[in-house]
Each structure stands twice: as structure tokens, then as C-alpha cells.
């Protein structure tokens, strides 16, 4: 009878540990999905900023180099 009780207690303990682990995995999954969404947004923002930076670096007049000194020098 004692070994039945011990086996039952062990089984209950294992089931409780499994339930906690399943909960932890679910929480980590939700965090991962949230971080994935944040990464997508950040990636789009970097792309937008990169486009703006390239537009700012492009010369307005293609005939005139960007590093050309002004005429009064």
C-alpha cells in the first residue's frame, strides 16, 4: 500500500511539474510572437530611414558633385 501511495504522489508531482512547464512554454511562445512583431516593425522603420538617408545624400543636381567647393573659395 505504501508503494502505491508513493507512486501516486510521484505521478501527481510529475503531472504538476508538466503543467507548470506547459504554462512556461506558452508564456515564452507569447513573448516570442511579440518580439517577432517588434522586429518586423523595427525592420520596416530601418528601411524607411535608410531610404530617407539615401535621398538626403543624393545630389540635387547630377552635374554638380556633392563635395564641390562653393564658387567664392
Protein backbone atom coordinates (compact mmCIF):
# COMPACT_ATOMS: atom_id res chain seq x y z
CA UNK A 1 0.00 0.00 0.00
CA UNK A 2 2.84 2.40 0.80
CA UNK A 3 4.40 1.97 -2.64
CA UNK A 4 1.02 2.70 -4.26
CA UNK A 5 0.83 5.95 -2.32
CA UNK A 6 4.42 6.82 -3.20
CA UNK A 7 3.81 6.06 -6.90
CA UNK A 8 0.63 8.13 -6.84
CA UNK A 9 2.41 11.03 -5.14
CA UNK A 10 5.23 10.86 -7.68
CA UNK A 11 2.74 10.81 -10.54
CA UNK A 12 0.89 13.82 -9.13
CA UNK A 13 4.20 15.62 -8.66
CA UNK A 14 5.25 14.86 -12.27
CA UNK A 15 1.87 16.00 -13.61
CA UNK A 16 2.12 19.27 -11.65
CA UNK A 17 5.64 19.86 -12.95
CA UNK A 18 4.45 19.17 -16.50
CA UNK A 19 1.55 21.61 -16.12
CA UNK A 20 3.97 24.31 -14.93
CA UNK A 21 6.32 23.61 -17.84
CA UNK A 22 3.45 23.79 -20.33
CA UNK A 23 2.46 27.15 -18.86
CA UNK A 24 6.05 28.40 -19.10
CA UNK A 25 6.32 27.28 -22.73
CA UNK A 26 3.06 29.05 -23.57
CA UNK A 27 4.29 32.28 -21.96
CA UNK A 28 7.62 32.07 -23.81
CA UNK A 29 5.74 31.48 -27.06
CA UNK A 30 3.66 34.63 -26.50
CA UNK A 31 6.80 36.65 -25.74
CA UNK A 32 8.46 35.29 -28.87
CA UNK A 33 5.49 36.28 -31.03
CA UNK A 34 5.55 39.77 -29.51
CA UNK A 35 9.28 40.15 -30.15
CA UNK A 36 8.84 38.91 -33.71
CA UNK A 37 6.23 41.61 -34.32
CA UNK A 38 8.51 44.27 -32.81
CA UNK A 39 11.34 43.08 -35.05
CA UNK A 40 9.15 43.41 -38.14
CA UNK A 41 8.20 46.97 -37.18
CA UNK A 42 11.82 47.88 -36.44
CA UNK A 43 12.93 46.37 -39.75
CA UNK A 44 10.39 48.49 -41.64
CA UNK A 45 11.48 51.62 -39.74
CA UNK A 46 15.14 50.97 -40.56
CA UNK A 47 14.23 50.53 -44.23
CA UNK A 48 12.32 53.82 -44.21
CA UNK A 49 15.17 55.66 -42.51
CA UNK A 50 17.68 54.13 -44.91
CA UNK A 51 15.63 55.39 -47.84
CA UNK A 52 15.44 58.88 -46.35
CA UNK A 53 19.18 58.92 -45.67
CA UNK A 54 19.97 57.85 -49.23
CA UNK A 55 17.63 60.55 -50.55
CA UNK A 56 19.41 63.16 -48.43
CA UNK A 57 22.82 62.01 -49.69
CA UNK A 58 21.85 62.09 -53.35
CA UNK A 59 22.96 65.26 -55.10
CA UNK A 60 20.14 67.51 -56.23
CA UNK A 61 21.97 68.48 -59.40
CA UNK A 62 23.61 65.43 -61.01
CA UNK A 63 26.01 67.73 -62.91
CA UNK A 64 27.40 69.16 -59.67
CA UNK A 65 29.44 66.91 -57.36
CA UNK A 66 28.42 66.85 -53.70
CA UNK A 67 31.87 67.80 -52.40
CA UNK A 68 32.38 70.72 -54.78
CA UNK A 69 33.50 73.90 -53.05
CA UNK A 70 31.26 76.93 -53.42
CA UNK A 71 32.35 79.50 -56.07
CA UNK A 72 33.57 82.09 -53.53
CA UNK A 73 36.54 79.94 -52.48
